[in-house]
Amino acid sequence: MPHEIRKYLRDIQIHIGYIEDFLGNKSDFTSFQRDLATQYAVQRALEIIGEAANSLRKQDATIAISNLRQIVATRNILIHAYDSVDPAIVWSIIKNHLPMLKTEIEQLLINYSNPEN
């Protein structure tokens, strides 16, 4: 297992943790929507997650991450179409997709920490 793959997996894991920290006790969309600093911080972390996912895809196109193409596409939207980012969509990503990504990344890190990989 190339060192780069573990690095990108770890980068994704770290930035998922940052998002969880940024959200703190904001458990509803209204709180998130009112906090511009948190929105910006979460969007930046999602950008980095998308960039790391894209790098992973380039290193190993067979890597088992659900919605890998959509993660990269989200990064592209956040970077290039920043003026049309909808906080409701970002919130939906956080609540509906990030937990599964976190689980997958944790499992991949376990699998890739095995010296046989």
N, C-alpha and C. Protein backbone atom coordinates (compact mmCIF):
# COMPACT_ATOMS: atom_id res chain seq x y z
N MET A 1 0.85 -1.18 0.00
CA MET A 1 0.00 0.00 0.00
C MET A 1 0.88 1.23 0.00
N PRO A 2 0.76 2.04 -1.03
CA PRO A 2 1.55 3.27 -1.09
C PRO A 2 1.24 4.21 0.09
N HIS A 3 2.28 4.84 0.55
CA HIS A 3 2.15 5.81 1.64
C HIS A 3 1.14 6.91 1.30
N GLU A 4 1.10 7.32 0.03
CA GLU A 4 0.21 8.40 -0.38
C GLU A 4 -1.26 8.07 -0.12
N ILE A 5 -1.64 6.83 -0.34
CA ILE A 5 -3.04 6.45 -0.13
C ILE A 5 -3.41 6.60 1.33
N ARG A 6 -2.55 6.11 2.21
CA ARG A 6 -2.82 6.28 3.66
C ARG A 6 -2.90 7.76 4.02
N LYS A 7 -2.03 8.57 3.43
CA LYS A 7 -2.03 10.01 3.72
C LYS A 7 -3.36 10.64 3.31
N TYR A 8 -3.84 10.33 2.11
CA TYR A 8 -5.10 10.91 1.65
C TYR A 8 -6.28 10.42 2.49
N LEU A 9 -6.27 9.15 2.84
CA LEU A 9 -7.33 8.62 3.72
C LEU A 9 -7.31 9.35 5.05
N ARG A 10 -6.13 9.55 5.59
CA ARG A 10 -6.00 10.24 6.88
C ARG A 10 -6.44 11.71 6.75
N ASP A 11 -6.10 12.36 5.64
CA ASP A 11 -6.54 13.74 5.43
C ASP A 11 -8.07 13.82 5.44
N ILE A 12 -8.72 12.88 4.78
CA ILE A 12 -10.19 12.87 4.79
C ILE A 12 -10.70 12.66 6.20
N GLN A 13 -10.13 11.72 6.92
CA GLN A 13 -10.55 11.46 8.30
C GLN A 13 -10.39 12.71 9.17
N ILE A 14 -9.27 13.37 9.06
CA ILE A 14 -9.00 14.57 9.86
C ILE A 14 -10.04 15.66 9.56
N HIS A 15 -10.35 15.86 8.30
CA HIS A 15 -11.26 16.95 7.93
C HIS A 15 -12.72 16.62 8.24
N ILE A 16 -13.06 15.35 8.26
CA ILE A 16 -14.39 14.97 8.77
C ILE A 16 -14.46 15.34 10.26
N GLY A 17 -13.40 15.06 10.98
CA GLY A 17 -13.34 15.44 12.40
C GLY A 17 -13.44 16.94 12.59
N TYR A 18 -12.78 17.71 11.72
CA TYR A 18 -12.89 19.16 11.79
C TYR A 18 -14.34 19.61 11.60
N ILE A 19 -15.01 19.01 10.63
CA ILE A 19 -16.42 19.38 10.40
C ILE A 19 -17.24 19.11 11.65
N GLU A 20 -17.03 17.96 12.25
CA GLU A 20 -17.75 17.64 13.49
C GLU A 20 -17.45 18.67 14.58
N ASP A 21 -16.18 19.08 14.67
CA ASP A 21 -15.80 20.10 15.65
C ASP A 21 -16.43 21.45 15.32
N PHE A 22 -16.40 21.83 14.04
CA PHE A 22 -16.97 23.12 13.63
C PHE A 22 -18.45 23.19 13.97
N LEU A 23 -19.14 22.09 13.75
CA LEU A 23 -20.59 22.07 14.00
C LEU A 23 -20.91 22.13 15.48
N GLY A 24 -20.04 21.56 16.30
CA GLY A 24 -20.27 21.59 17.74
C GLY A 24 -21.68 21.18 18.09
N ASN A 25 -22.40 22.08 18.71
CA ASN A 25 -23.77 21.77 19.14
C ASN A 25 -24.82 22.24 18.13
N LYS A 26 -24.40 22.57 16.93
CA LYS A 26 -25.36 22.98 15.90
C LYS A 26 -25.99 21.72 15.31
N SER A 27 -27.13 21.35 15.83
CA SER A 27 -27.76 20.10 15.39
C SER A 27 -28.93 20.34 14.44
N ASP A 28 -29.17 21.60 14.10
CA ASP A 28 -30.26 21.88 13.18
C ASP A 28 -29.79 22.86 12.10
N PHE A 29 -30.48 22.81 10.98
CA PHE A 29 -30.10 23.62 9.83
C PHE A 29 -30.16 25.11 10.14
N THR A 30 -31.14 25.55 10.90
CA THR A 30 -31.29 26.97 11.20
C THR A 30 -30.05 27.51 11.90
N SER A 31 -29.52 26.78 12.87
CA SER A 31 -28.29 27.21 13.56
C SER A 31 -27.12 27.28 12.59
N PHE A 32 -27.02 26.27 11.74
CA PHE A 32 -25.95 26.24 10.74
C PHE A 32 -26.08 27.42 9.78
N GLN A 33 -27.28 27.66 9.31
CA GLN A 33 -27.53 28.71 8.33
C GLN A 33 -27.21 30.09 8.89
N ARG A 34 -27.41 30.28 10.16
CA ARG A 34 -27.16 31.59 10.79
C ARG A 34 -25.68 31.84 11.09
N ASP A 35 -24.86 30.80 11.02
CA ASP A 35 -23.45 30.92 11.40
C ASP A 35 -22.56 30.87 10.16
N LEU A 36 -22.28 32.02 9.62
CA LEU A 36 -21.50 32.11 8.38
C LEU A 36 -20.09 31.55 8.56
N ALA A 37 -19.49 31.79 9.70
CA ALA A 37 -18.13 31.29 9.93
C ALA A 37 -18.10 29.76 9.88
N THR A 38 -19.08 29.13 10.48
CA THR A 38 -19.15 27.67 10.45
C THR A 38 -19.39 27.18 9.03
N GLN A 39 -20.26 27.85 8.29
CA GLN A 39 -20.50 27.46 6.89
C GLN A 39 -19.19 27.51 6.10
N TYR A 40 -18.44 28.58 6.24
CA TYR A 40 -17.18 28.71 5.51
C TYR A 40 -16.19 27.63 5.92
N ALA A 41 -16.09 27.38 7.22
CA ALA A 41 -15.15 26.37 7.71
C ALA A 41 -15.52 24.98 7.19
N VAL A 42 -16.80 24.66 7.23
CA VAL A 42 -17.27 23.36 6.74
C VAL A 42 -17.02 23.24 5.25
N GLN A 43 -17.31 24.29 4.51
CA GLN A 43 -17.08 24.24 3.06
C GLN A 43 -15.61 24.03 2.75
N ARG A 44 -14.74 24.68 3.48
CA ARG A 44 -13.29 24.50 3.25
C ARG A 44 -12.89 23.07 3.54
N ALA A 45 -13.39 22.50 4.62
CA ALA A 45 -13.07 21.10 4.95
C ALA A 45 -13.60 20.16 3.87
N LEU A 46 -14.79 20.45 3.34
CA LEU A 46 -15.33 19.63 2.25
C LEU A 46 -14.48 19.75 0.99
N GLU A 47 -13.94 20.93 0.74
CA GLU A 47 -13.05 21.11 -0.41
C GLU A 47 -11.83 20.21 -0.27
N ILE A 48 -11.24 20.20 0.91
CA ILE A 48 -10.04 19.38 1.15
C ILE A 48 -10.38 17.90 1.06
N ILE A 49 -11.53 17.51 1.60
CA ILE A 49 -11.97 16.12 1.48
C ILE A 49 -12.09 15.74 0.00
N GLY A 50 -12.69 16.61 -0.78
CA GLY A 50 -12.85 16.35 -2.21
C GLY A 50 -11.52 16.28 -2.94
N GLU A 51 -10.59 17.13 -2.57
CA GLU A 51 -9.27 17.11 -3.20
C GLU A 51 -8.53 15.83 -2.85
N ALA A 52 -8.58 15.43 -1.58
CA ALA A 52 -7.94 14.17 -1.17
C ALA A 52 -8.60 12.98 -1.86
N ALA A 53 -9.92 13.02 -1.99
CA ALA A 53 -10.64 11.93 -2.68
C ALA A 53 -10.22 11.86 -4.14
N ASN A 54 -10.05 12.99 -4.77
CA ASN A 54 -9.60 13.02 -6.16
C ASN A 54 -8.19 12.44 -6.28
N SER A 55 -7.33 12.78 -5.36
CA SER A 55 -5.97 12.24 -5.36
C SER A 55 -5.99 10.73 -5.13
N LEU A 56 -6.86 10.27 -4.25
CA LEU A 56 -7.02 8.83 -4.03
C LEU A 56 -7.44 8.13 -5.32
N ARG A 57 -8.41 8.71 -5.98
CA ARG A 57 -8.93 8.14 -7.22
C ARG A 57 -7.82 8.02 -8.27
N LYS A 58 -6.93 9.01 -8.30
CA LYS A 58 -5.82 8.96 -9.24
C LYS A 58 -4.80 7.89 -8.87
N GLN A 59 -4.61 7.69 -7.56
CA GLN A 59 -3.66 6.68 -7.09
C GLN A 59 -4.19 5.26 -7.27
N ASP A 60 -5.50 5.09 -7.01
CA ASP A 60 -6.10 3.76 -7.07
C ASP A 60 -7.57 3.90 -7.46
N ALA A 61 -7.84 3.70 -8.72
CA ALA A 61 -9.20 3.89 -9.24
C ALA A 61 -10.18 2.86 -8.69
N THR A 62 -9.68 1.82 -8.04
CA THR A 62 -10.57 0.77 -7.51
C THR A 62 -10.89 0.97 -6.03
N ILE A 63 -10.42 2.04 -5.44
CA ILE A 63 -10.64 2.24 -4.01
C ILE A 63 -12.13 2.27 -3.70
N ALA A 64 -12.51 1.59 -2.63
CA ALA A 64 -13.93 1.38 -2.31
C ALA A 64 -14.47 2.50 -1.43
N ILE A 65 -14.83 3.60 -2.07
CA ILE A 65 -15.48 4.71 -1.38
C ILE A 65 -16.76 5.02 -2.14
N SER A 66 -17.87 4.91 -1.45
CA SER A 66 -19.16 5.22 -2.07
C SER A 66 -19.19 6.67 -2.50
N ASN A 67 -19.80 6.93 -3.62
CA ASN A 67 -20.01 8.29 -4.10
C ASN A 67 -18.71 9.07 -4.31
N LEU A 68 -17.65 8.38 -4.65
CA LEU A 68 -16.36 9.04 -4.84
C LEU A 68 -16.44 10.15 -5.89
N ARG A 69 -17.10 9.87 -6.99
CA ARG A 69 -17.22 10.89 -8.04
C ARG A 69 -18.01 12.10 -7.56
N GLN A 70 -19.06 11.87 -6.76
CA GLN A 70 -19.87 12.97 -6.25
C GLN A 70 -19.09 13.81 -5.23
N ILE A 71 -18.22 13.16 -4.47
CA ILE A 71 -17.39 13.89 -3.51
C ILE A 71 -16.47 14.85 -4.26
N VAL A 72 -15.86 14.36 -5.31
CA VAL A 72 -14.98 15.21 -6.13
C VAL A 72 -15.79 16.30 -6.82
N ALA A 73 -16.97 15.95 -7.32
CA ALA A 73 -17.82 16.95 -7.98
C ALA A 73 -18.24 18.04 -6.99
N THR A 74 -18.50 17.67 -5.76
CA THR A 74 -18.86 18.66 -4.74
C THR A 74 -17.70 19.62 -4.51
N ARG A 75 -16.51 19.09 -4.46
CA ARG A 75 -15.32 19.93 -4.31
C ARG A 75 -15.24 20.92 -5.46
N ASN A 76 -15.48 20.45 -6.67
CA ASN A 76 -15.41 21.33 -7.83
C ASN A 76 -16.46 22.44 -7.76
N ILE A 77 -17.64 22.11 -7.30
CA ILE A 77 -18.69 23.12 -7.15
C ILE A 77 -18.30 24.15 -6.10
N LEU A 78 -17.80 23.67 -4.96
CA LEU A 78 -17.41 24.58 -3.88
C LEU A 78 -16.30 25.54 -4.33
N ILE A 79 -15.39 25.03 -5.15
CA ILE A 79 -14.27 25.85 -5.62
C ILE A 79 -14.67 26.77 -6.78
N HIS A 80 -15.32 26.20 -7.77
CA HIS A 80 -15.54 26.93 -9.02
C HIS A 80 -16.90 27.61 -9.13
N ALA A 81 -17.87 27.11 -8.40
CA ALA A 81 -19.21 27.73 -8.44
C ALA A 81 -19.58 28.23 -7.05
N TYR A 82 -18.60 28.79 -6.38
CA TYR A 82 -18.76 29.25 -5.00
C TYR A 82 -19.94 30.19 -4.82
N ASP A 83 -20.29 30.94 -5.85
CA ASP A 83 -21.37 31.91 -5.74
C ASP A 83 -22.76 31.29 -5.81
N SER A 84 -22.82 30.00 -6.06
CA SER A 84 -24.13 29.34 -6.13
C SER A 84 -24.26 28.21 -5.11
N VAL A 85 -23.36 28.17 -4.12
CA VAL A 85 -23.42 27.12 -3.10
C VAL A 85 -24.63 27.37 -2.20
N ASP A 86 -25.44 26.34 -2.05
CA ASP A 86 -26.64 26.41 -1.23
C ASP A 86 -26.35 25.78 0.13
N PRO A 87 -26.47 26.54 1.22
CA PRO A 87 -26.21 25.98 2.55
C PRO A 87 -27.07 24.74 2.85
N ALA A 88 -28.26 24.67 2.28
CA ALA A 88 -29.12 23.50 2.51
C ALA A 88 -28.50 22.24 1.91
N ILE A 89 -27.85 22.39 0.78
CA ILE A 89 -27.20 21.24 0.16
C ILE A 89 -25.98 20.83 0.99
N VAL A 90 -25.21 21.80 1.46
CA VAL A 90 -24.06 21.50 2.31
C VAL A 90 -24.55 20.79 3.57
N TRP A 91 -25.62 21.27 4.17
CA TRP A 91 -26.18 20.64 5.37
C TRP A 91 -26.61 19.20 5.07
N SER A 92 -27.23 19.00 3.94
CA SER A 92 -27.66 17.66 3.55
C SER A 92 -26.46 16.73 3.40
N ILE A 93 -25.40 17.21 2.81
CA ILE A 93 -24.18 16.40 2.67
C ILE A 93 -23.65 16.01 4.05
N ILE A 94 -23.61 16.98 4.94
CA ILE A 94 -23.09 16.74 6.29
C ILE A 94 -23.93 15.68 7.01
N LYS A 95 -25.22 15.81 6.95
CA LYS A 95 -26.10 14.93 7.71
C LYS A 95 -26.35 13.58 7.03
N ASN A 96 -26.41 13.56 5.70
CA ASN A 96 -26.81 12.35 5.00
C ASN A 96 -25.66 11.54 4.42
N HIS A 97 -24.52 12.16 4.19
CA HIS A 97 -23.44 11.45 3.50
C HIS A 97 -22.14 11.35 4.31
N LEU A 98 -21.86 12.34 5.13
CA LEU A 98 -20.60 12.33 5.86
C LEU A 98 -20.48 11.16 6.84
N PRO A 99 -21.54 10.76 7.54
CA PRO A 99 -21.39 9.61 8.45
C PRO A 99 -20.95 8.33 7.73
N MET A 100 -21.50 8.06 6.56
CA MET A 100 -21.11 6.87 5.81
C MET A 100 -19.66 7.00 5.33
N LEU A 101 -19.27 8.18 4.87
CA LEU A 101 -17.90 8.39 4.42
C LEU A 101 -16.94 8.17 5.59
N LYS A 102 -17.29 8.67 6.75
CA LYS A 102 -16.44 8.50 7.93
C LYS A 102 -16.23 7.02 8.22
N THR A 103 -17.30 6.24 8.19
CA THR A 103 -17.22 4.80 8.44
C THR A 103 -16.34 4.12 7.39
N GLU A 104 -16.54 4.46 6.14
CA GLU A 104 -15.74 3.85 5.06
C GLU A 104 -14.26 4.18 5.20
N ILE A 105 -13.96 5.42 5.52
CA ILE A 105 -12.56 5.84 5.65
C ILE A 105 -11.91 5.14 6.83
N GLU A 106 -12.63 5.04 7.94
CA GLU A 106 -12.07 4.34 9.10
C GLU A 106 -11.77 2.88 8.76
N GLN A 107 -12.67 2.24 8.02
CA GLN A 107 -12.45 0.85 7.63
C GLN A 107 -11.28 0.72 6.66
N LEU A 108 -11.19 1.62 5.72
CA LEU A 108 -10.06 1.59 4.78
C LEU A 108 -8.73 1.79 5.50
N LEU A 109 -8.71 2.68 6.47
CA LEU A 109 -7.48 2.89 7.25
C LEU A 109 -7.10 1.64 8.02
N ILE A 110 -8.08 0.95 8.55
CA ILE A 110 -7.79 -0.33 9.23
C ILE A 110 -7.24 -1.34 8.23
N ASN A 111 -7.91 -1.46 7.10
CA ASN A 111 -7.47 -2.42 6.08
C ASN A 111 -6.08 -2.09 5.57
N TYR A 112 -5.79 -0.82 5.34
CA TYR A 112 -4.51 -0.44 4.77
C TYR A 112 -3.41 -0.35 5.80
N SER A 113 -3.74 -0.47 7.08
CA SER A 113 -2.69 -0.51 8.10
C SER A 113 -2.13 -1.93 8.23
N ASN A 114 -2.84 -2.89 7.63
CA ASN A 114 -2.37 -4.27 7.59
C ASN A 114 -1.14 -4.34 6.70
N PRO A 115 -0.01 -4.85 7.20
CA PRO A 115 1.22 -4.89 6.41
C PRO A 115 1.10 -5.67 5.11
N GLU A 116 0.11 -6.54 4.99
CA GLU A 116 -0.04 -7.32 3.77
C GLU A 116 -0.63 -6.48 2.64
N ASN A 117 -1.22 -5.34 2.95
CA ASN A 117 -1.81 -4.48 1.92
C ASN A 117 -0.82 -3.48 1.39
